[in-house]
C-alpha atoms as a PDB file:
ATOM      1  CA  UNK A   1     -37.335  39.859  -4.798  1.00  0.00           C
ATOM      2  CA  UNK A   2     -33.984  39.775  -6.689  1.00  0.00           C
ATOM      3  CA  UNK A   3     -30.242  40.982  -6.703  1.00  0.00           C
ATOM      4  CA  UNK A   4     -29.429  42.569  -9.339  1.00  0.00           C
ATOM      5  CA  UNK A   5     -25.808  44.032 -10.518  1.00  0.00           C
ATOM      6  CA  UNK A   6     -25.770  47.696 -11.576  1.00  0.00           C
ATOM      7  CA  UNK A   7     -22.607  48.185 -14.150  1.00  0.00           C
ATOM      8  CA  UNK A   8     -22.525  51.754 -13.709  1.00  0.00           C
ATOM      9  CA  UNK A   9     -22.254  51.491  -9.798  1.00  0.00           C
ATOM     10  CA  UNK A  10     -20.884  48.542 -10.070  1.00  0.00           C
ATOM     11  CA  UNK A  11     -22.773  47.217  -7.083  1.00  0.00           C
ATOM     12  CA  UNK A  12     -25.538  44.743  -6.638  1.00  0.00           C
ATOM     13  CA  UNK A  13     -28.514  45.875  -4.664  1.00  0.00           C
ATOM     14  CA  UNK A  14     -31.782  44.060  -3.866  1.00  0.00           C
ATOM     15  CA  UNK A  15     -34.922  45.061  -5.802  1.00  0.00           C
ATOM     16  CA  UNK A  16     -38.377  44.036  -5.215  1.00  0.00           C
ATOM     17  CA  UNK A  17     -40.692  43.155  -8.356  1.00  0.00           C
ATOM     18  CA  UNK A  18     -44.316  43.660  -7.743  1.00  0.00           C
ATOM     19  CA  UNK A  19     -45.542  41.275 -10.569  1.00  0.00           C
ATOM     20  CA  UNK A  20     -48.957  41.865 -11.389  1.00  0.00           C
ATOM     21  CA  UNK A  21     -47.875  45.366 -12.153  1.00  0.00           C
ATOM     22  CA  UNK A  22     -44.543  44.878 -13.607  1.00  0.00           C
ATOM     23  CA  UNK A  23     -43.090  47.288 -11.341  1.00  0.00           C
ATOM     24  CA  UNK A  24     -39.687  47.178  -9.575  1.00  0.00           C
ATOM     25  CA  UNK A  25     -38.751  49.199  -6.408  1.00  0.00           C
ATOM     26  CA  UNK A  26     -34.810  49.030  -4.866  1.00  0.00           C
ATOM     27  CA  UNK A  27     -35.182  47.595  -1.530  1.00  0.00           C
ATOM     28  CA  UNK A  28     -31.102  48.216  -0.319  1.00  0.00           C
ATOM     29  CA  UNK A  29     -29.393  51.299  -1.313  1.00  0.00           C
ATOM     30  CA  UNK A  30     -25.640  50.432   0.988  1.00  0.00           C
ATOM     31  CA  UNK A  31     -22.905  50.287  -1.403  1.00  0.00           C
ATOM     32  CA  UNK A  32     -22.102  46.756  -0.191  1.00  0.00           C
ATOM     33  CA  UNK A  33     -22.988  43.860  -2.105  1.00  0.00           C
ATOM     34  CA  UNK A  34     -26.344  42.731  -0.755  1.00  0.00           C
ATOM     35  CA  UNK A  35     -27.168  39.216  -2.300  1.00  0.00           C
ATOM     36  CA  UNK A  36     -28.989  35.942  -1.899  1.00  0.00           C
ATOM     37  CA  UNK A  37     -32.520  37.453  -0.428  1.00  0.00           C
ATOM     38  CA  UNK A  38     -34.891  35.241   1.660  1.00  0.00           C
ATOM     39  CA  UNK A  39     -38.287  36.083   2.407  1.00  0.00           C
ATOM     40  CA  UNK A  40     -39.825  35.280   5.815  1.00  0.00           C
ATOM     41  CA  UNK A  41     -43.031  32.792   5.379  1.00  0.00           C
ATOM     42  CA  UNK A  42     -45.230  35.629   6.288  1.00  0.00           C
ATOM     43  CA  UNK A  43     -43.816  37.740   3.823  1.00  0.00           C
ATOM     44  CA  UNK A  44     -43.069  40.263   6.490  1.00  0.00           C
ATOM     45  CA  UNK A  45     -38.908  40.353   6.473  1.00  0.00           C
ATOM     46  CA  UNK A  46     -36.216  39.761   4.121  1.00  0.00           C
ATOM     47  CA  UNK A  47     -32.840  37.827   5.116  1.00  0.00           C
ATOM     48  CA  UNK A  48     -30.064  38.477   3.015  1.00  0.00           C
ATOM     49  CA  UNK A  49     -26.057  38.871   2.641  1.00  0.00           C
ATOM     50  CA  UNK A  50     -24.024  41.969   2.430  1.00  0.00           C
ATOM     51  CA  UNK A  51     -20.205  42.307   2.458  1.00  0.00           C
ATOM     52  CA  UNK A  52     -20.425  45.792   4.096  1.00  0.00           C
ATOM     53  CA  UNK A  53     -17.803  45.065   7.013  1.00  0.00           C
ATOM     54  CA  UNK A  54     -15.928  42.977   4.637  1.00  0.00           C
ATOM     55  CA  UNK A  55     -17.017  39.444   4.754  1.00  0.00           C
ATOM     56  CA  UNK A  56     -20.686  38.580   4.124  1.00  0.00           C
ATOM     57  CA  UNK A  57     -22.582  39.027   7.466  1.00  0.00           C
ATOM     58  CA  UNK A  58     -26.378  37.976   7.354  1.00  0.00           C
ATOM     59  CA  UNK A  59     -28.721  41.250   7.652  1.00  0.00           C
ATOM     60  CA  UNK A  60     -32.543  41.622   8.153  1.00  0.00           C
ATOM     61  CA  UNK A  61     -34.961  44.213   6.635  1.00  0.00           C
ATOM     62  CA  UNK A  62     -38.939  44.316   6.784  1.00  0.00           C
ATOM     63  CA  UNK A  63     -39.986  44.025   3.602  1.00  0.00           C
ATOM     64  CA  UNK A  64     -42.230  47.173   2.857  1.00  0.00           C
ATOM     65  CA  UNK A  65     -39.115  48.801   2.668  1.00  0.00           C
ATOM     66  CA  UNK A  66     -39.927  50.919   5.674  1.00  0.00           C
ATOM     67  CA  UNK A  67     -36.872  51.272   8.678  1.00  0.00           C
ATOM     68  CA  UNK A  68     -33.505  50.135   7.928  1.00  0.00           C
ATOM     69  CA  UNK A  69     -31.397  46.856   7.931  1.00  0.00           C
ATOM     70  CA  UNK A  70     -30.246  45.266  10.975  1.00  0.00           C
ATOM     71  CA  UNK A  71     -27.304  43.266  11.502  1.00  0.00           C
ATOM     72  CA  UNK A  72     -28.693  39.796  12.321  1.00  0.00           C
ATOM     73  CA  UNK A  73     -25.662  37.981  12.617  1.00  0.00           C
ATOM     74  CA  UNK A  74     -21.827  38.575  12.111  1.00  0.00           C
ATOM     75  CA  UNK A  75     -19.225  35.431  12.872  1.00  0.00           C
ATOM     76  CA  UNK A  76     -16.068  36.613  10.999  1.00  0.00           C
ATOM     77  CA  UNK A  77     -16.601  34.121   8.297  1.00  0.00           C
ATOM     78  CA  UNK A  78     -18.540  34.428   5.162  1.00  0.00           C
ATOM     79  CA  UNK A  79     -22.632  33.880   5.841  1.00  0.00           C
ATOM     80  CA  UNK A  80     -24.972  32.939   2.790  1.00  0.00           C
ATOM     81  CA  UNK A  81     -28.724  33.009   3.561  1.00  0.00           C
ATOM     82  CA  UNK A  82     -30.412  29.458   2.317  1.00  0.00           C
ATOM     83  CA  UNK A  83     -34.116  29.081   3.997  1.00  0.00           C
ATOM     84  CA  UNK A  84     -36.620  30.079   6.525  1.00  0.00           C
ATOM     85  CA  UNK A  85     -38.793  27.518   8.231  1.00  0.00           C
ATOM     86  CA  UNK A  86     -42.147  27.815   7.530  1.00  0.00           C
ATOM     87  CA  UNK A  87     -43.410  28.033  10.897  1.00  0.00           C
ATOM     88  CA  UNK A  88     -40.730  31.201  10.933  1.00  0.00           C
ATOM     89  CA  UNK A  89     -38.897  29.818  13.888  1.00  0.00           C
ATOM     90  CA  UNK A  90     -35.655  28.812  12.129  1.00  0.00           C
ATOM     91  CA  UNK A  91     -33.449  30.085   9.768  1.00  0.00           C
ATOM     92  CA  UNK A  92     -30.913  28.001   7.833  1.00  0.00           C
ATOM     93  CA  UNK A  93     -27.553  29.675   6.142  1.00  0.00           C
ATOM     94  CA  UNK A  94     -24.209  28.192   4.945  1.00  0.00           C
ATOM     95  CA  UNK A  95     -20.812  29.226   6.832  1.00  0.00           C
ATOM     96  CA  UNK A  96     -18.046  29.686   4.358  1.00  0.00           C
ATOM     97  CA  UNK A  97     -14.101  30.965   4.542  1.00  0.00           C
ATOM     98  CA  UNK A  98     -12.163  28.753   6.722  1.00  0.00           C
ATOM     99  CA  UNK A  99     -10.023  26.328   5.100  1.00  0.00           C
ATOM    100  CA  UNK A 100     -10.168  23.616   7.827  1.00  0.00           C
ATOM    101  CA  UNK A 101     -13.939  23.483   8.109  1.00  0.00           C
ATOM    102  CA  UNK A 102     -15.260  24.393   4.393  1.00  0.00           C
ATOM    103  CA  UNK A 103     -18.796  24.826   3.671  1.00  0.00           C
ATOM    104  CA  UNK A 104     -21.478  24.069   6.847  1.00  0.00           C
ATOM    105  CA  UNK A 105     -24.734  24.469   7.471  1.00  0.00           C
ATOM    106  CA  UNK A 106     -26.034  26.100  10.851  1.00  0.00           C
ATOM    107  CA  UNK A 107     -29.476  27.129  12.061  1.00  0.00           C
ATOM    108  CA  UNK A 108     -30.679  30.216  13.869  1.00  0.00           C
ATOM    109  CA  UNK A 109     -33.207  30.289  15.886  1.00  0.00           C
ATOM    110  CA  UNK A 110     -35.445  33.455  14.973  1.00  0.00           C
ATOM    111  CA  UNK A 111     -36.831  33.548  18.380  1.00  0.00           C
ATOM    112  CA  UNK A 112     -35.308  34.109  22.073  1.00  0.00           C
ATOM    113  CA  UNK A 113     -31.434  34.890  21.735  1.00  0.00           C
ATOM    114  CA  UNK A 114     -30.745  33.575  18.699  1.00  0.00           C
ATOM    115  CA  UNK A 115     -27.637  31.585  19.429  1.00  0.00           C
ATOM    116  CA  UNK A 116     -26.776  29.726  15.932  1.00  0.00           C
ATOM    117  CA  UNK A 117     -26.431  25.953  16.206  1.00  0.00           C
ATOM    118  CA  UNK A 118     -24.627  23.944  13.833  1.00  0.00           C
ATOM    119  CA  UNK A 119     -26.725  21.460  11.709  1.00  0.00           C
ATOM    120  CA  UNK A 120     -23.965  19.624   9.415  1.00  0.00           C
ATOM    121  CA  UNK A 121     -20.368  19.983   9.268  1.00  0.00           C
ATOM    122  CA  UNK A 122     -17.934  17.252   8.060  1.00  0.00           C
ATOM    123  CA  UNK A 123     -14.670  16.926   6.355  1.00  0.00           C
ATOM    124  CA  UNK A 124     -16.632  17.823   3.470  1.00  0.00           C
ATOM    125  CA  UNK A 125     -19.231  20.709   2.153  1.00  0.00           C
ATOM    126  CA  UNK A 126     -22.492  20.950   2.791  1.00  0.00           C
ATOM    127  CA  UNK A 127     -24.333  23.877   1.725  1.00  0.00           C
ATOM    128  CA  UNK A 128     -27.977  24.514  -0.465  1.00  0.00           C
ATOM    129  CA  UNK A 129     -30.289  23.401   2.528  1.00  0.00           C
ATOM    130  CA  UNK A 130     -33.753  23.544   2.074  1.00  0.00           C
ATOM    131  CA  UNK A 131     -36.527  23.069   5.009  1.00  0.00           C
ATOM    132  CA  UNK A 132     -39.397  20.488   4.279  1.00  0.00           C
ATOM    133  CA  UNK A 133     -42.607  22.154   4.201  1.00  0.00           C
ATOM    134  CA  UNK A 134     -43.364  20.420   7.667  1.00  0.00           C
ATOM    135  CA  UNK A 135     -39.879  21.522   9.004  1.00  0.00           C
ATOM    136  CA  UNK A 136     -38.791  17.699  10.018  1.00  0.00           C
ATOM    137  CA  UNK A 137     -36.168  17.396   7.230  1.00  0.00           C
ATOM    138  CA  UNK A 138     -33.587  19.454   5.273  1.00  0.00           C
ATOM    139  CA  UNK A 139     -32.743  18.751   1.829  1.00  0.00           C
ATOM    140  CA  UNK A 140     -28.810  19.919   0.948  1.00  0.00           C
ATOM    141  CA  UNK A 141     -25.989  19.279  -1.158  1.00  0.00           C
ATOM    142  CA  UNK A 142     -22.643  17.519  -0.357  1.00  0.00           C
ATOM    143  CA  UNK A 143     -19.391  16.528  -2.124  1.00  0.00           C
ATOM    144  CA  UNK A 144     -18.665  13.934   0.180  1.00  0.00           C
ATOM    145  CA  UNK A 145     -18.894  11.292  -2.676  1.00  0.00           C
ATOM    146  CA  UNK A 146     -16.562  12.876  -4.774  1.00  0.00           C
ATOM    147  CA  UNK A 147     -19.160  14.965  -6.560  1.00  0.00           C
ATOM    148  CA  UNK A 148     -22.033  17.071  -5.561  1.00  0.00           C
ATOM    149  CA  UNK A 149     -25.036  15.185  -4.824  1.00  0.00           C
ATOM    150  CA  UNK A 150     -28.353  15.800  -2.793  1.00  0.00           C
ATOM    151  CA  UNK A 151     -29.234  14.282   0.686  1.00  0.00           C
ATOM    152  CA  UNK A 152     -32.004  14.435   2.707  1.00  0.00           C
ATOM    153  CA  UNK A 153     -31.308  14.786   6.859  1.00  0.00           C
ATOM    154  CA  UNK A 154     -33.702  14.877   9.880  1.00  0.00           C
ATOM    155  CA  UNK A 155     -33.983  18.050  11.464  1.00  0.00           C
ATOM    156  CA  UNK A 156     -33.058  18.968  13.955  1.00  0.00           C
ATOM    157  CA  UNK A 157     -31.642  15.540  14.301  1.00  0.00           C
ATOM    158  CA  UNK A 158     -30.483  12.978  15.533  1.00  0.00           C
ATOM    159  CA  UNK A 159     -31.071  10.933  12.170  1.00  0.00           C
ATOM    160  CA  UNK A 160     -29.979   9.348   9.633  1.00  0.00           C
ATOM    161  CA  UNK A 161     -29.140  10.792   6.239  1.00  0.00           C
ATOM    162  CA  UNK A 162     -30.213   9.579   2.538  1.00  0.00           C
ATOM    163  CA  UNK A 163     -28.594  10.362  -1.028  1.00  0.00           C
ATOM    164  CA  UNK A 164     -31.494  11.567  -3.256  1.00  0.00           C
ATOM    165  CA  UNK A 165     -29.766  11.936  -6.660  1.00  0.00           C
ATOM    166  CA  UNK A 166     -27.389   9.292  -7.997  1.00  0.00           C
ATOM    167  CA  UNK A 167     -25.544  11.128 -10.959  1.00  0.00           C
ATOM    168  CA  UNK A 168     -24.751  14.543  -9.102  1.00  0.00           C
ATOM    169  CA  UNK A 169     -27.151  17.378  -8.343  1.00  0.00           C
ATOM    170  CA  UNK A 170     -27.559  20.389  -7.081  1.00  0.00           C
ATOM    171  CA  UNK A 171     -30.052  23.537  -6.073  1.00  0.00           C
ATOM    172  CA  UNK A 172     -32.484  20.840  -4.022  1.00  0.00           C
ATOM    173  CA  UNK A 173     -36.054  22.432  -3.885  1.00  0.00           C
ATOM    174  CA  UNK A 174     -39.109  21.001  -1.978  1.00  0.00           C
ATOM    175  CA  UNK A 175     -42.827  21.000  -3.147  1.00  0.00           C
ATOM    176  CA  UNK A 176     -45.039  22.450  -1.479  1.00  0.00           C
ATOM    177  CA  UNK A 177     -46.959  19.426   0.044  1.00  0.00           C
ATOM    178  CA  UNK A 178     -43.480  17.754   0.712  1.00  0.00           C
ATOM    179  CA  UNK A 179     -43.923  14.891  -1.143  1.00  0.00           C
ATOM    180  CA  UNK A 180     -41.469  15.705  -4.123  1.00  0.00           C
ATOM    181  CA  UNK A 181     -37.852  16.993  -4.205  1.00  0.00           C
ATOM    182  CA  UNK A 182     -36.826  18.776  -7.559  1.00  0.00           C
ATOM    183  CA  UNK A 183     -33.253  19.281  -8.422  1.00  0.00           C
ATOM    184  CA  UNK A 184     -30.652  19.950 -11.065  1.00  0.00           C
ATOM    185  CA  UNK A 185     -29.014  16.928 -12.172  1.00  0.00           C
ATOM    186  CA  UNK A 186     -25.233  17.611 -13.154  1.00  0.00           C
ATOM    187  CA  UNK A 187     -26.228  17.229 -16.930  1.00  0.00           C
ATOM    188  CA  UNK A 188     -28.472  20.342 -16.149  1.00  0.00           C
ATOM    189  CA  UNK A 189     -31.509  18.386 -16.485  1.00  0.00           C
ATOM    190  CA  UNK A 190     -34.230  19.291 -13.870  1.00  0.00           C
ATOM    191  CA  UNK A 191     -35.042  15.841 -12.201  1.00  0.00           C
ATOM    192  CA  UNK A 192     -37.857  15.396  -9.301  1.00  0.00           C
ATOM    193  CA  UNK A 193     -38.013  12.083  -6.934  1.00  0.00           C
ATOM    194  CA  UNK A 194     -40.772  11.294  -4.988  1.00  0.00           C
ATOM    195  CA  UNK A 195     -40.401  11.167  -0.703  1.00  0.00           C
END
């Protein structure tokens, strides 16, 4: 699933590509900007962000396309989806737009009452969080050192944090077995570090 900009309509919608047959199917149809899709671990649903009501809120829709989008979360700030834990129980997202707090990482339980919980908030920006395959860690980016670096923190906490990158880093991604983190260095080189 990808977000595509249509130059004719000046809009961004989600499209699902069927790789084996090379087909693409439009997934969202709202005039808002629909962006940053994240698949559920079982492939049944997709969470994305949309500015249909002004700020970017989180929406969820069945991956098969049947049914309509459901407003999952609105807070008055901009929300950007990041990752779904492998067990499907937690969803990680960013909240930004408040000049006092910068960018923060939050967790939305996907079972029960779905009450968001703050995961990381400091005087700096924390973003681009991703769960480890076993759900016990989160790799993320912070600018606390003066430049964007990749860190790992225990989930759900408490616990320490460890800096992974040394010369800048962004876009951390866990290897499927959880034994390595791949990230993009400040000079655009693809880096990998064992965990």
